[in-house]
Protein backbone atom coordinates (compact mmCIF):
# COMPACT_ATOMS: atom_id res chain seq x y z
CA MET A 1 -37.00 51.08 2.80
CA LEU A 2 -35.93 49.77 6.08
CA ALA A 3 -35.29 46.09 6.74
CA PHE A 4 -36.28 45.84 10.53
CA GLY A 5 -36.44 43.26 13.27
CA THR A 6 -34.93 40.53 15.15
CA TYR A 7 -34.25 38.28 12.12
CA ASP A 8 -30.67 36.64 11.32
CA ALA A 9 -29.84 36.44 7.81
CA ARG A 10 -27.30 33.98 8.34
CA THR A 11 -29.67 31.33 9.70
CA HIS A 12 -32.69 32.53 7.84
CA PRO A 13 -31.55 33.69 4.38
CA ARG A 14 -35.15 34.57 3.10
CA ILE A 15 -34.51 38.23 4.39
CA GLN A 16 -31.40 38.53 2.67
CA VAL A 17 -32.86 37.34 -0.62
CA LEU A 18 -35.74 40.02 -0.46
CA ILE A 19 -33.25 42.58 0.45
CA ASP A 20 -30.73 41.85 -2.32
CA GLY A 21 -33.71 41.49 -4.95
CA LEU A 22 -35.27 44.94 -3.92
CA ARG A 23 -31.80 46.78 -4.13
CA GLU A 24 -31.09 45.13 -7.43
CA ARG A 25 -34.24 46.47 -8.59
CA GLY A 26 -33.48 50.11 -7.47
CA ALA A 27 -34.58 50.19 -3.97
CA ASP A 28 -32.83 52.19 -1.28
CA VAL A 29 -32.75 49.48 1.34
CA ARG A 30 -31.23 49.93 4.73
CA GLU A 31 -31.11 47.46 7.63
CA LEU A 32 -31.77 47.94 11.39
CA ALA A 33 -31.63 44.56 13.03
CA GLU A 34 -30.84 43.01 16.34
CA PRO A 35 -30.66 39.15 15.86
CA LEU A 36 -32.67 37.35 18.68
CA GLY A 37 -30.29 34.37 18.77
CA LEU A 38 -33.11 31.67 18.61
CA ASP A 39 -33.35 29.41 15.50
CA THR A 40 -36.87 28.12 14.51
CA SER A 41 -36.35 24.82 16.37
CA GLN A 42 -35.54 26.66 19.59
CA ARG A 43 -38.57 28.90 19.26
CA VAL A 44 -40.90 25.72 18.76
CA ARG A 45 -39.22 24.26 21.83
CA ILE A 46 -40.20 27.22 23.73
CA LEU A 47 -43.87 27.06 22.69
CA ARG A 48 -44.11 23.43 23.61
CA ARG A 49 -42.54 24.24 27.29
CA PRO A 50 -44.37 27.41 28.20
CA TRP A 51 -42.26 27.80 31.33
CA LEU A 52 -39.30 28.77 28.89
CA LEU A 53 -41.41 31.70 27.54
CA PRO A 54 -39.57 34.32 30.14
CA VAL A 55 -36.38 33.36 28.26
CA LEU A 56 -38.06 34.47 24.98
CA ALA A 57 -39.54 37.55 26.51
CA ALA A 58 -36.24 38.51 28.30
CA LYS A 59 -34.31 38.23 24.89
CA LEU A 60 -36.84 40.06 22.83
CA GLY A 61 -37.17 42.90 25.49
CA ARG A 62 -33.50 43.46 25.13
CA ARG A 63 -33.50 43.36 21.27
CA TRP A 64 -36.59 45.77 21.05
CA LEU A 65 -34.85 48.30 23.58
CA SER A 66 -31.82 48.27 21.17
CA LEU A 67 -34.19 48.64 18.04
CA ALA A 68 -36.17 51.47 19.66
CA ARG A 69 -33.11 53.56 20.58
CA ARG A 70 -31.71 53.10 17.23
CA ALA A 71 -34.79 53.85 15.59
CA ARG A 72 -35.10 57.17 17.45
CA GLY A 73 -31.73 57.81 16.33
CA LEU A 74 -32.57 57.66 12.68
CA PRO A 75 -32.20 61.18 10.89
CA ARG A 76 -35.38 62.50 9.59
CA ALA A 77 -33.91 62.36 6.15
CA GLU A 78 -33.43 58.56 6.43
CA TRP A 79 -37.01 58.08 7.96
CA PRO A 80 -38.44 55.23 5.90
CA THR A 81 -41.33 55.24 3.74
CA HIS A 82 -41.75 51.48 4.01
CA VAL A 83 -40.60 48.97 6.50
CA LEU A 84 -39.94 45.37 5.67
CA VAL A 85 -40.38 43.20 8.97
CA GLY A 86 -38.07 39.93 8.43
CA TYR A 87 -39.03 36.25 8.53
CA LEU A 88 -40.34 35.29 12.15
CA GLY A 89 -41.31 38.76 12.76
CA HIS A 90 -44.72 38.07 14.35
CA PHE A 91 -43.69 40.26 17.39
CA ASP A 92 -41.40 42.53 15.64
CA VAL A 93 -44.21 43.83 13.26
CA LEU A 94 -45.94 45.10 16.51
CA LEU A 95 -43.07 47.13 17.45
CA ALA A 96 -42.46 48.34 13.78
CA ARG A 97 -45.98 49.70 13.95
CA LEU A 98 -45.47 51.73 17.01
CA LEU A 99 -42.23 52.97 15.92
CA PHE A 100 -43.17 53.62 12.15
CA PRO A 101 -46.82 54.76 12.39
CA SER A 102 -46.71 56.63 9.02
CA SER A 103 -44.74 54.19 6.95
CA THR A 104 -46.03 51.30 4.98
CA ILE A 105 -45.40 47.96 7.00
CA VAL A 106 -44.61 44.93 4.93
CA LEU A 107 -44.55 41.88 7.08
CA ASP A 108 -42.64 38.70 5.55
CA HIS A 109 -45.33 36.15 6.85
CA LEU A 110 -43.54 33.20 5.82
CA ILE A 111 -44.93 30.86 8.32
CA PHE A 112 -47.91 30.82 10.31
CA ALA A 113 -47.20 30.17 14.11
CA ALA A 114 -50.25 27.94 14.98
CA GLY A 115 -49.68 25.92 11.98
CA THR A 116 -46.05 25.46 12.48
CA ALA A 117 -46.58 24.58 16.13
CA ARG A 118 -49.25 21.76 14.82
CA ASP A 119 -46.75 20.33 12.26
CA ARG A 120 -44.15 20.03 15.00
CA GLY A 121 -46.73 18.09 17.26
CA VAL A 122 -48.20 20.83 19.60
CA ARG A 123 -51.75 19.56 20.17
CA THR A 124 -54.65 21.75 19.22
CA GLY A 125 -55.79 23.75 22.46
CA LEU A 126 -54.98 26.68 24.35
CA ARG A 127 -51.69 27.19 22.97
CA THR A 128 -52.42 26.91 19.24
CA ALA A 129 -55.30 29.14 19.87
CA LEU A 130 -53.01 31.69 21.41
CA LEU A 131 -50.68 31.25 18.28
CA ASP A 132 -53.49 31.56 16.06
CA ARG A 133 -54.38 35.08 17.69
CA LEU A 134 -50.74 36.03 17.30
CA ASP A 135 -50.90 35.45 13.65
CA ARG A 136 -54.07 37.61 13.39
CA LEU A 137 -52.18 40.26 15.52
CA ALA A 138 -49.36 40.29 13.24
CA ILE A 139 -51.08 40.48 9.96
CA GLY A 140 -53.48 43.16 11.45
CA ALA A 141 -50.25 45.36 12.04
CA ALA A 142 -49.16 45.09 8.48
CA ASP A 143 -50.07 46.87 5.40
CA VAL A 144 -48.57 44.33 3.10
CA VAL A 145 -48.52 40.53 4.00
CA VAL A 146 -46.08 38.59 2.09
CA THR A 147 -46.21 34.93 1.75
CA ASP A 148 -44.50 32.53 -0.21
CA THR A 149 -47.23 30.29 -1.82
CA ALA A 150 -50.80 30.61 -2.80
CA GLU A 151 -51.62 28.00 -0.17
CA HIS A 152 -50.25 30.23 2.52
CA ALA A 153 -51.87 33.25 1.09
CA ALA A 154 -55.23 31.58 1.37
CA LEU A 155 -54.73 31.30 5.38
CA VAL A 156 -54.76 35.07 5.52
CA PRO A 157 -57.97 36.23 6.99
CA ALA A 158 -60.42 37.04 4.13
CA LYS A 159 -60.77 40.72 4.96
CA ARG A 160 -56.95 41.09 4.50
CA ARG A 161 -56.45 38.71 1.46
CA ASN A 162 -56.20 41.64 -0.95
CA ASP A 163 -53.21 42.88 0.84
CA ALA A 164 -51.28 39.53 0.55
CA VAL A 165 -48.60 39.14 -2.00
CA VAL A 166 -46.92 35.77 -3.11
CA VAL A 167 -43.21 36.13 -3.22
CA PRO A 168 -41.47 32.57 -3.75
CA VAL A 169 -38.45 32.04 -1.28
CA GLY A 170 -35.73 32.13 -3.99
CA ALA A 171 -32.02 31.77 -3.08
CA THR A 172 -29.08 34.05 -2.46
CA ARG A 173 -26.42 34.88 -4.94
CA ALA A 174 -24.10 32.42 -2.97
CA TRP A 175 -25.83 29.55 -4.09
CA PHE A 176 -25.77 30.37 -7.92
CA ASP A 177 -21.96 31.19 -7.37
CA ALA A 178 -21.49 27.67 -5.79
CA ALA A 179 -22.74 26.19 -8.89
CA THR A 180 -20.44 28.15 -11.12
CA ALA A 181 -17.49 27.14 -8.90
CA ALA A 182 -18.45 23.44 -8.99
CA THR A 183 -18.77 23.30 -12.67
CA ALA A 184 -15.06 22.44 -13.13
CA ALA A 185 -15.02 19.98 -10.27
CA PRO A 186 -14.13 16.50 -11.38
CA GLY A 187 -17.19 14.03 -11.52
CA GLY A 188 -17.69 10.29 -11.86
CA GLY A 189 -18.40 7.84 -9.01
CA PRO A 190 -21.64 6.71 -7.68
CA LEU A 191 -24.69 9.23 -7.56
CA SER A 192 -24.30 11.51 -4.54
CA VAL A 193 -27.30 12.90 -2.83
CA VAL A 194 -27.61 15.70 0.02
CA PHE A 195 -30.34 16.52 2.30
CA PHE A 196 -30.07 19.35 4.92
CA GLY A 197 -32.52 20.78 7.42
CA LEU A 198 -34.11 20.80 10.84
CA PHE A 199 -35.64 16.91 10.62
CA THR A 200 -39.11 18.18 11.22
CA PRO A 201 -42.32 16.29 10.37
CA LEU A 202 -42.76 18.60 7.41
CA GLN A 203 -39.21 17.45 5.93
CA GLY A 204 -40.05 13.76 6.10
CA ALA A 205 -36.46 12.87 6.56
CA PRO A 206 -37.49 9.11 7.73
CA VAL A 207 -38.61 8.70 4.32
CA ILE A 208 -35.13 9.33 2.89
CA ALA A 209 -33.73 6.94 5.46
CA GLU A 210 -36.14 4.37 4.14
CA ALA A 211 -35.07 5.03 0.56
CA LEU A 212 -31.34 4.96 1.33
CA ARG A 213 -31.83 1.46 3.11
CA LEU A 214 -33.80 0.17 0.24
CA LEU A 215 -31.16 1.12 -2.40
CA ALA A 216 -28.57 -0.42 -0.05
CA GLU A 217 -30.48 -3.71 -0.21
CA ARG A 218 -30.92 -3.56 -4.19
CA GLY A 219 -27.03 -3.10 -4.48
CA VAL A 220 -27.55 0.45 -5.79
CA HIS A 221 -24.58 2.30 -4.61
CA VAL A 222 -25.58 5.98 -3.61
CA ARG A 223 -23.41 8.32 -1.52
CA ALA A 224 -25.62 10.34 0.82
CA THR A 225 -24.58 13.23 2.97
CA LEU A 226 -27.14 14.49 5.74
CA VAL A 227 -26.90 17.59 7.50
CA GLY A 228 -28.66 18.94 10.61
CA SER A 229 -30.46 17.61 13.56
CA GLY A 230 -33.88 18.06 14.99
CA GLN A 231 -37.12 16.16 15.81
CA ASP A 232 -36.67 13.20 13.66
CA ALA A 233 -32.87 12.89 13.66
CA ALA A 234 -32.77 9.99 16.10
CA ALA A 235 -35.06 7.92 14.05
CA VAL A 236 -33.20 8.63 10.96
CA ARG A 237 -29.88 7.94 12.53
CA ALA A 238 -31.44 4.47 13.49
CA ALA A 239 -32.49 3.63 10.21
CA VAL A 240 -29.30 4.43 8.32
CA ARG A 241 -27.15 3.01 11.14
CA GLY A 242 -24.45 0.54 9.16
CA LEU A 243 -24.85 1.99 5.91
CA PRO A 244 -21.26 2.89 4.89
CA THR A 245 -22.18 5.27 2.21
CA VAL A 246 -23.90 7.89 4.56
CA THR A 247 -22.04 10.76 6.02
CA TRP A 248 -23.86 12.75 8.76
CA HIS A 249 -22.86 16.39 9.86
CA ASP A 250 -24.83 17.83 12.78
CA TRP A 251 -24.06 21.38 11.60
CA VAL A 252 -22.49 23.19 8.62
CA ASP A 253 -21.76 26.85 8.83
CA ALA A 254 -24.36 28.77 6.49
CA ALA A 255 -21.40 30.20 4.54
CA GLU A 256 -20.00 26.73 3.60
CA LEU A 257 -23.40 25.17 3.00
CA PRO A 258 -23.73 26.27 -0.48
CA ALA A 259 -20.52 24.67 -1.62
CA LEU A 260 -21.04 21.30 0.06
CA VAL A 261 -24.42 21.08 -1.57
CA ALA A 262 -22.97 22.22 -5.14
CA GLY A 263 -20.70 19.27 -4.65
CA HIS A 264 -23.63 16.59 -4.84
CA ASP A 265 -25.57 15.35 -7.76
CA VAL A 266 -29.17 15.49 -6.21
CA CYS A 267 -30.41 17.72 -3.60
CA LEU A 268 -33.37 16.19 -1.77
CA GLY A 269 -36.51 18.48 -0.82
CA ILE A 270 -39.22 17.54 1.62
CA PHE A 271 -41.24 14.33 1.70
CA GLY A 272 -43.67 14.83 4.76
CA THR A 273 -47.35 14.16 4.59
CA THR A 274 -48.58 16.99 6.97
CA ASP A 275 -50.68 19.68 5.67
CA LYS A 276 -48.04 22.27 6.22
CA ALA A 277 -45.78 19.86 4.19
CA ARG A 278 -48.23 20.14 1.32
CA ALA A 279 -48.41 23.84 1.43
CA VAL A 280 -44.71 24.91 1.18
CA VAL A 281 -41.91 25.03 -1.20
CA PRO A 282 -38.83 24.91 1.21
CA ASN A 283 -35.55 26.58 1.12
CA LYS A 284 -33.65 23.55 0.38
CA VAL A 285 -35.40 23.13 -3.08
CA TYR A 286 -34.60 26.46 -4.34
CA GLN A 287 -31.15 26.28 -2.92
CA GLY A 288 -30.36 23.01 -4.52
CA ALA A 289 -31.58 23.92 -7.77
CA ALA A 290 -29.40 27.23 -7.63
CA ALA A 291 -26.48 25.05 -6.66
CA GLY A 292 -26.64 23.20 -9.70
CA CYS A 293 -28.15 19.93 -8.32
CA ALA A 294 -31.04 17.74 -9.58
CA VAL A 295 -33.81 18.32 -7.31
CA VAL A 296 -36.04 15.38 -6.08
CA THR A 297 -39.05 16.37 -3.64
CA SER A 298 -42.45 15.50 -2.94
CA ASP A 299 -45.28 15.75 -5.41
CA THR A 300 -47.40 18.78 -4.21
CA ALA A 301 -49.42 21.52 -5.76
CA PRO A 302 -47.02 24.33 -4.84
CA GLN A 303 -43.92 22.69 -5.46
CA ARG A 304 -45.07 21.34 -9.20
CA ARG A 305 -46.67 24.78 -9.58
CA ALA A 306 -43.11 26.38 -8.90
CA PHE A 307 -40.82 23.98 -10.53
CA GLY A 308 -42.85 22.22 -13.26
CA ASP A 309 -40.60 20.16 -15.11
CA GLY A 310 -37.48 21.36 -13.38
CA ALA A 311 -37.67 18.76 -10.61
CA THR A 312 -38.33 15.11 -9.92
CA PHE A 313 -41.43 14.63 -8.01
CA VAL A 314 -42.42 11.57 -5.85
CA PRO A 315 -45.63 11.00 -3.61
CA PRO A 316 -45.35 12.34 -0.09
CA GLY A 317 -44.31 9.84 2.57
CA ASP A 318 -43.46 7.13 -0.15
CA GLY A 319 -40.00 5.71 0.65
CA PRO A 320 -40.01 3.07 -2.14
CA ALA A 321 -41.07 5.69 -4.95
CA LEU A 322 -37.88 7.71 -3.57
CA ALA A 323 -35.56 4.74 -4.02
CA ASP A 324 -37.10 4.40 -7.38
CA ALA A 325 -36.32 7.90 -8.62
CA LEU A 326 -32.89 7.95 -7.20
CA GLN A 327 -32.01 4.64 -8.99
CA LYS A 328 -33.16 5.99 -12.14
CA LEU A 329 -31.13 9.10 -11.69
CA ALA A 330 -28.08 6.85 -11.14
CA ASP A 331 -28.13 6.57 -14.79
CA GLY A 332 -25.69 9.21 -15.94
CA THR A 333 -28.09 10.14 -19.02
CA GLU A 334 -31.15 10.72 -16.65
CA LEU A 335 -29.02 12.75 -14.05
CA ALA A 336 -27.65 15.30 -16.83
CA ARG A 337 -31.29 15.75 -18.20
CA ALA A 338 -32.46 16.61 -14.52
CA ARG A 339 -29.47 18.65 -13.46
CA ALA A 340 -30.00 20.77 -16.68
CA ALA A 341 -33.87 21.13 -15.90
CA SER A 342 -33.25 22.44 -12.35
CA ARG A 343 -30.86 24.86 -13.46
CA THR A 344 -33.16 26.34 -15.90
CA ALA A 345 -35.78 26.47 -13.23
CA ALA A 346 -33.52 27.96 -10.94
CA THR A 347 -33.12 31.18 -13.21
CA ARG A 348 -36.64 32.08 -12.18
CA PHE A 349 -35.75 32.27 -8.46
CA THR A 350 -33.13 34.80 -8.37
CA ALA A 351 -33.37 37.46 -5.85
CA SER A 352 -34.29 40.27 -8.59
CA ALA A 353 -36.79 37.94 -10.18
CA ILE A 354 -38.79 36.68 -7.02
CA VAL A 355 -39.21 40.17 -5.55
CA ALA A 356 -41.20 41.55 -8.80
CA PRO A 357 -44.69 40.76 -7.50
CA LEU A 358 -43.75 42.60 -4.26
CA VAL A 359 -42.34 45.84 -6.01
CA GLN A 360 -45.47 45.94 -8.22
CA ALA A 361 -47.65 45.73 -5.20
CA LEU A 362 -45.57 48.67 -3.68
CA ASP A 363 -45.15 50.57 -6.70
CA PRO A 364 -47.98 49.90 -9.28
CA ALA A 365 -46.08 51.98 -11.80
CA ALA A 366 -43.12 49.63 -11.79
CA THR A 367 -42.25 47.84 -15.07
CA PRO A 368 -43.66 44.38 -14.82
CA ALA A 369 -41.66 41.32 -14.61
CA ARG A 370 -40.78 39.55 -17.82
């Protein structure tokens, strides 16, 4: 198998989880990647400002030329039977189809471009229609379409739905290692919570700010660390201004993030009320559980289905309910129970475990997951 495209495993670790899991299950996975250098928020910004599209085209063209040269240089003995196109590979899958016409093309279609644009404020119209067309072209170029939830699989066109495989996002080994390293760290002190992300409407960060302010008004001492920037960051900053127990990092290196998260009691998930927020289980929920934190997130069908009793759920968009949940976790006994439950749930989301459905889809003779 060849992992292929303009993905960057440091900023979008989903592809690394898939690669690691497939390797652990015996697949010979090699990589041919030329990172594009644009994160998700930058790509969405381009979609909202069409005059910046030449920037995307120029970057993509240079990376594709390099990918094509490197693909042509592959020895015949290394020609892939399968090509795995990484996350945000809507364009890359078209190139993969051209370069490897006889290979089975696997597209990790973690997000639908049109739905993501709508979630971030792009109005329905010509742009979203073009993005919907892009989604369909990408899916049409793939033999196997990987999604992360049943809700996303249902968005795959009906005639291709039998080719869709649901593979949870999971977490890389670094997050599990961070939990082990943090076990011996000194405890005590107030409840500590961490949130990290792009501050998009899906994530509902203003709900977190409301909850932190309510806890402060109640006299409940909670130490909060917020990591990231984005669309809702200014509103969140304004809402938590003056709270002495809030620490903000605009950016943390990907290699340092697992240890930072593992140093907290609670990892906060998402709390948005958009359609997309109700259809995903975000990276941070899997990663926070793997890091040994208790997880608190919105009560949506895919998250409850994935975690069951392994997380604490609150209604989407409900700041007071989030404050109540955190206040309850401030009790040491309840926190210990919640952390133990999330750690148990996390064992289902190791790299090797999450790729089991994909392995069976590619090789029906493979041993079923236990």
